[in-house]
Amino acid sequence: IMREKDELLALAEGDGRVRFPKWQLDENGVPYASLPGLFEERVGSPWAVYRFLVQRHAALGGETGIEALQCGKGTAVVRAAKGVTRGDFGCRLGRGAPRPS
């Protein structure tokens, strides 16, 4: 049921097996509360959520999404995912910086 509600990351493999990364659980064995927000921001694709969580992001100070979740930064993780979805890539344009046309 948690998988169906996007509360747990389930990765389907080509042979039909489904894997559940253990790092999506906190020290008490509970999935991080921000996971559903990641599915919303990453268009619901489990593999897109996985890639976001294992890659480093400038918007998270160079941490991976999972490292930030483990440090209690769930809101920042969801915000960074939203930025990646929009194409921000964690960059902030400074005053006077050229804006893309």
N, C-alpha and C. Protein backbone atom coordinates (compact mmCIF):
# COMPACT_ATOMS: atom_id res chain seq x y z
N ILE A 1 0.83 -1.20 0.00
CA ILE A 1 0.00 0.00 0.00
C ILE A 1 0.87 1.26 0.00
N MET A 2 1.98 1.28 0.74
CA MET A 2 2.85 2.46 0.75
C MET A 2 3.41 2.73 -0.64
N ARG A 3 3.71 1.69 -1.38
CA ARG A 3 4.21 1.83 -2.74
C ARG A 3 3.16 2.48 -3.63
N GLU A 4 1.92 2.06 -3.49
CA GLU A 4 0.84 2.60 -4.31
C GLU A 4 0.55 4.05 -3.99
N LYS A 5 0.79 4.48 -2.77
CA LYS A 5 0.55 5.86 -2.35
C LYS A 5 1.78 6.74 -2.56
N ASP A 6 2.82 6.21 -3.19
CA ASP A 6 4.08 6.93 -3.40
C ASP A 6 4.71 7.36 -2.08
N GLU A 7 4.57 6.54 -1.06
CA GLU A 7 5.21 6.80 0.23
C GLU A 7 6.50 6.00 0.35
N LEU A 8 6.75 5.13 -0.63
CA LEU A 8 7.92 4.26 -0.60
C LEU A 8 8.41 4.11 -2.03
N LEU A 9 9.71 4.26 -2.22
CA LEU A 9 10.31 4.15 -3.54
C LEU A 9 10.47 2.68 -3.90
N ALA A 10 9.82 2.27 -4.98
CA ALA A 10 9.89 0.89 -5.48
C ALA A 10 10.41 0.94 -6.91
N LEU A 11 11.51 0.25 -7.17
CA LEU A 11 12.14 0.30 -8.48
C LEU A 11 11.95 -1.02 -9.21
N ALA A 12 11.17 -0.98 -10.28
CA ALA A 12 10.92 -2.17 -11.09
C ALA A 12 12.10 -2.40 -12.02
N GLU A 13 12.54 -3.64 -12.07
CA GLU A 13 13.64 -4.02 -12.95
C GLU A 13 13.08 -4.73 -14.18
N GLY A 14 13.91 -4.87 -15.19
CA GLY A 14 13.49 -5.46 -16.44
C GLY A 14 12.97 -6.88 -16.33
N ASP A 15 13.43 -7.61 -15.32
CA ASP A 15 13.00 -9.00 -15.16
C ASP A 15 11.74 -9.13 -14.31
N GLY A 16 11.13 -7.98 -13.97
CA GLY A 16 9.89 -8.00 -13.21
C GLY A 16 10.07 -7.89 -11.70
N ARG A 17 11.31 -8.03 -11.22
CA ARG A 17 11.56 -7.87 -9.78
C ARG A 17 11.42 -6.40 -9.39
N VAL A 18 11.06 -6.17 -8.16
CA VAL A 18 10.94 -4.81 -7.63
C VAL A 18 11.88 -4.69 -6.45
N ARG A 19 12.66 -3.63 -6.45
CA ARG A 19 13.61 -3.40 -5.35
C ARG A 19 13.17 -2.17 -4.56
N PHE A 20 13.41 -2.24 -3.26
CA PHE A 20 13.08 -1.15 -2.33
C PHE A 20 14.38 -0.72 -1.65
N PRO A 21 15.00 0.39 -2.08
CA PRO A 21 16.26 0.82 -1.46
C PRO A 21 16.09 1.04 0.05
N LYS A 22 16.98 0.43 0.83
CA LYS A 22 16.85 0.54 2.29
C LYS A 22 17.19 1.93 2.80
N TRP A 23 17.95 2.71 2.02
CA TRP A 23 18.33 4.05 2.47
C TRP A 23 17.16 5.03 2.46
N GLN A 24 16.00 4.63 1.99
CA GLN A 24 14.84 5.53 2.03
C GLN A 24 14.12 5.47 3.39
N LEU A 25 14.66 4.66 4.29
CA LEU A 25 14.09 4.52 5.63
C LEU A 25 14.98 5.22 6.65
N ASP A 26 14.36 5.85 7.64
CA ASP A 26 15.14 6.49 8.69
C ASP A 26 15.65 5.45 9.68
N GLU A 27 16.29 5.91 10.74
CA GLU A 27 16.87 4.98 11.72
C GLU A 27 15.83 4.12 12.43
N ASN A 28 14.56 4.51 12.35
CA ASN A 28 13.47 3.73 12.96
C ASN A 28 12.77 2.81 11.96
N GLY A 29 13.29 2.78 10.73
CA GLY A 29 12.69 1.93 9.71
C GLY A 29 11.45 2.53 9.05
N VAL A 30 11.28 3.83 9.20
CA VAL A 30 10.12 4.53 8.64
C VAL A 30 10.56 5.31 7.40
N PRO A 31 9.81 5.25 6.30
CA PRO A 31 10.18 6.03 5.12
C PRO A 31 10.17 7.53 5.43
N TYR A 32 11.08 8.25 4.81
CA TYR A 32 11.12 9.70 5.01
C TYR A 32 9.82 10.33 4.56
N ALA A 33 9.29 11.23 5.36
CA ALA A 33 7.99 11.85 5.11
C ALA A 33 7.97 12.66 3.83
N SER A 34 9.13 13.08 3.33
CA SER A 34 9.20 13.90 2.12
C SER A 34 9.10 13.10 0.83
N LEU A 35 9.15 11.79 0.90
CA LEU A 35 9.11 10.99 -0.33
C LEU A 35 7.89 11.26 -1.20
N PRO A 36 6.67 11.35 -0.64
CA PRO A 36 5.52 11.65 -1.50
C PRO A 36 5.67 12.98 -2.24
N GLY A 37 6.26 13.96 -1.61
CA GLY A 37 6.49 15.25 -2.26
C GLY A 37 7.44 15.14 -3.43
N LEU A 38 8.40 14.23 -3.33
CA LEU A 38 9.33 14.03 -4.44
C LEU A 38 8.62 13.40 -5.64
N PHE A 39 7.73 12.47 -5.37
CA PHE A 39 6.97 11.88 -6.47
C PHE A 39 6.13 12.93 -7.17
N GLU A 40 5.55 13.84 -6.40
CA GLU A 40 4.75 14.91 -7.00
C GLU A 40 5.61 15.81 -7.88
N GLU A 41 6.78 16.17 -7.40
CA GLU A 41 7.65 17.09 -8.14
C GLU A 41 8.37 16.41 -9.30
N ARG A 42 8.60 15.14 -9.22
CA ARG A 42 9.37 14.43 -10.26
C ARG A 42 8.46 13.68 -11.22
N VAL A 43 7.24 14.11 -11.38
CA VAL A 43 6.27 13.56 -12.31
C VAL A 43 6.00 12.08 -12.05
N GLY A 44 6.15 11.64 -10.83
CA GLY A 44 5.74 10.31 -10.44
C GLY A 44 6.62 9.16 -10.87
N SER A 45 7.68 9.38 -11.60
CA SER A 45 8.54 8.29 -12.05
C SER A 45 9.47 7.83 -10.93
N PRO A 46 9.37 6.58 -10.51
CA PRO A 46 10.26 6.09 -9.45
C PRO A 46 11.74 6.21 -9.81
N TRP A 47 12.09 5.94 -11.07
CA TRP A 47 13.50 6.03 -11.46
C TRP A 47 13.99 7.48 -11.46
N ALA A 48 13.13 8.43 -11.79
CA ALA A 48 13.51 9.84 -11.73
C ALA A 48 13.74 10.26 -10.28
N VAL A 49 12.89 9.78 -9.38
CA VAL A 49 13.06 10.07 -7.94
C VAL A 49 14.37 9.45 -7.46
N TYR A 50 14.64 8.23 -7.86
CA TYR A 50 15.89 7.55 -7.49
C TYR A 50 17.10 8.38 -7.94
N ARG A 51 17.11 8.77 -9.22
CA ARG A 51 18.25 9.55 -9.74
C ARG A 51 18.41 10.85 -8.97
N PHE A 52 17.30 11.52 -8.69
CA PHE A 52 17.39 12.75 -7.92
C PHE A 52 18.02 12.49 -6.55
N LEU A 53 17.62 11.44 -5.89
CA LEU A 53 18.09 11.16 -4.53
C LEU A 53 19.56 10.76 -4.47
N VAL A 54 20.10 10.16 -5.52
CA VAL A 54 21.50 9.70 -5.45
C VAL A 54 22.48 10.68 -6.08
N GLN A 55 21.98 11.73 -6.74
CA GLN A 55 22.86 12.73 -7.33
C GLN A 55 23.09 13.89 -6.37
N ARG A 56 24.24 14.54 -6.51
CA ARG A 56 24.55 15.73 -5.72
C ARG A 56 23.89 16.94 -6.38
N HIS A 57 23.45 17.88 -5.54
CA HIS A 57 22.74 19.06 -6.04
C HIS A 57 23.29 20.31 -5.39
N ALA A 58 23.56 21.31 -6.23
CA ALA A 58 24.04 22.60 -5.73
C ALA A 58 23.02 23.21 -4.76
N ALA A 59 21.74 23.03 -5.05
CA ALA A 59 20.69 23.59 -4.19
C ALA A 59 20.68 22.96 -2.80
N LEU A 60 21.35 21.82 -2.65
CA LEU A 60 21.44 21.15 -1.34
C LEU A 60 22.86 21.26 -0.78
N GLY A 61 23.59 22.26 -1.22
CA GLY A 61 24.95 22.46 -0.73
C GLY A 61 25.89 21.35 -1.14
N GLY A 62 25.63 20.71 -2.27
CA GLY A 62 26.48 19.64 -2.76
C GLY A 62 26.14 18.26 -2.22
N GLU A 63 25.15 18.19 -1.36
CA GLU A 63 24.72 16.89 -0.82
C GLU A 63 23.84 16.17 -1.84
N THR A 64 23.76 14.85 -1.70
CA THR A 64 22.77 14.11 -2.47
C THR A 64 21.42 14.32 -1.80
N GLY A 65 20.37 14.01 -2.53
CA GLY A 65 19.04 14.12 -1.95
C GLY A 65 18.89 13.25 -0.72
N ILE A 66 19.43 12.04 -0.77
CA ILE A 66 19.30 11.14 0.38
C ILE A 66 20.11 11.64 1.57
N GLU A 67 21.30 12.20 1.33
CA GLU A 67 22.09 12.76 2.44
C GLU A 67 21.32 13.89 3.13
N ALA A 68 20.69 14.73 2.32
CA ALA A 68 19.92 15.84 2.88
C ALA A 68 18.72 15.32 3.67
N LEU A 69 18.03 14.30 3.15
CA LEU A 69 16.92 13.71 3.91
C LEU A 69 17.40 13.17 5.25
N GLN A 70 18.54 12.50 5.23
CA GLN A 70 19.08 11.90 6.45
C GLN A 70 19.47 12.95 7.48
N CYS A 71 19.71 14.19 7.02
CA CYS A 71 20.04 15.30 7.92
C CYS A 71 18.82 16.11 8.31
N GLY A 72 17.63 15.63 7.96
CA GLY A 72 16.41 16.32 8.35
C GLY A 72 16.03 17.50 7.47
N LYS A 73 16.51 17.53 6.25
CA LYS A 73 16.26 18.65 5.34
C LYS A 73 15.20 18.31 4.29
N GLY A 74 14.15 17.66 4.70
CA GLY A 74 13.11 17.21 3.77
C GLY A 74 12.49 18.31 2.95
N THR A 75 12.21 19.46 3.57
CA THR A 75 11.61 20.58 2.84
C THR A 75 12.56 21.08 1.77
N ALA A 76 13.84 21.19 2.10
CA ALA A 76 14.84 21.64 1.12
C ALA A 76 14.97 20.64 -0.03
N VAL A 77 14.85 19.36 0.27
CA VAL A 77 14.94 18.33 -0.77
C VAL A 77 13.79 18.47 -1.75
N VAL A 78 12.58 18.64 -1.26
CA VAL A 78 11.42 18.79 -2.13
C VAL A 78 11.55 20.08 -2.95
N ARG A 79 12.02 21.14 -2.32
CA ARG A 79 12.21 22.42 -3.02
C ARG A 79 13.26 22.26 -4.13
N ALA A 80 14.34 21.54 -3.85
CA ALA A 80 15.38 21.30 -4.87
C ALA A 80 14.84 20.46 -6.02
N ALA A 81 14.01 19.47 -5.71
CA ALA A 81 13.40 18.64 -6.76
C ALA A 81 12.51 19.50 -7.65
N LYS A 82 11.77 20.40 -7.03
CA LYS A 82 10.91 21.31 -7.80
C LYS A 82 11.77 22.16 -8.72
N GLY A 83 12.90 22.63 -8.23
CA GLY A 83 13.80 23.43 -9.05
C GLY A 83 14.37 22.65 -10.22
N VAL A 84 14.74 21.42 -9.99
CA VAL A 84 15.27 20.58 -11.07
C VAL A 84 14.18 20.35 -12.11
N THR A 85 12.97 20.10 -11.66
CA THR A 85 11.85 19.88 -12.58
C THR A 85 11.61 21.12 -13.44
N ARG A 86 11.77 22.30 -12.83
CA ARG A 86 11.59 23.56 -13.58
C ARG A 86 12.80 23.88 -14.45
N GLY A 87 13.92 23.22 -14.20
CA GLY A 87 15.13 23.50 -14.97
C GLY A 87 16.06 24.48 -14.30
N ASP A 88 15.89 24.72 -12.99
CA ASP A 88 16.76 25.66 -12.26
C ASP A 88 18.15 25.10 -12.04
N PHE A 89 18.26 23.81 -11.81
CA PHE A 89 19.53 23.12 -11.55
C PHE A 89 20.28 23.69 -10.37
N GLY A 90 19.56 24.28 -9.43
CA GLY A 90 20.18 24.75 -8.19
C GLY A 90 20.94 26.04 -8.33
N CYS A 91 20.88 26.68 -9.47
CA CYS A 91 21.62 27.92 -9.70
C CYS A 91 20.76 29.12 -9.35
N ARG A 92 21.41 30.13 -8.87
CA ARG A 92 20.72 31.39 -8.62
C ARG A 92 21.43 32.46 -9.43
N LEU A 93 20.67 33.22 -10.17
CA LEU A 93 21.27 34.29 -10.94
C LEU A 93 21.45 35.51 -10.05
N GLY A 94 22.64 36.05 -10.04
CA GLY A 94 22.92 37.23 -9.24
C GLY A 94 22.46 38.50 -9.94
N ARG A 95 22.55 39.59 -9.24
CA ARG A 95 22.17 40.89 -9.81
C ARG A 95 23.07 41.18 -11.01
N GLY A 96 22.45 41.53 -12.13
CA GLY A 96 23.22 41.86 -13.32
C GLY A 96 23.63 40.66 -14.16
N ALA A 97 23.34 39.47 -13.67
CA ALA A 97 23.69 38.28 -14.44
C ALA A 97 22.79 38.16 -15.65
N PRO A 98 23.34 37.72 -16.77
CA PRO A 98 22.51 37.58 -17.96
C PRO A 98 21.46 36.50 -17.75
N ARG A 99 20.27 36.76 -18.19
CA ARG A 99 19.18 35.81 -18.07
C ARG A 99 19.02 35.10 -19.40
N PRO A 100 18.72 33.80 -19.34
CA PRO A 100 18.52 33.08 -20.60
C PRO A 100 17.32 33.63 -21.35
N SER A 101 17.42 33.68 -22.68
CA SER A 101 16.29 34.21 -23.45
C SER A 101 15.40 33.11 -23.96
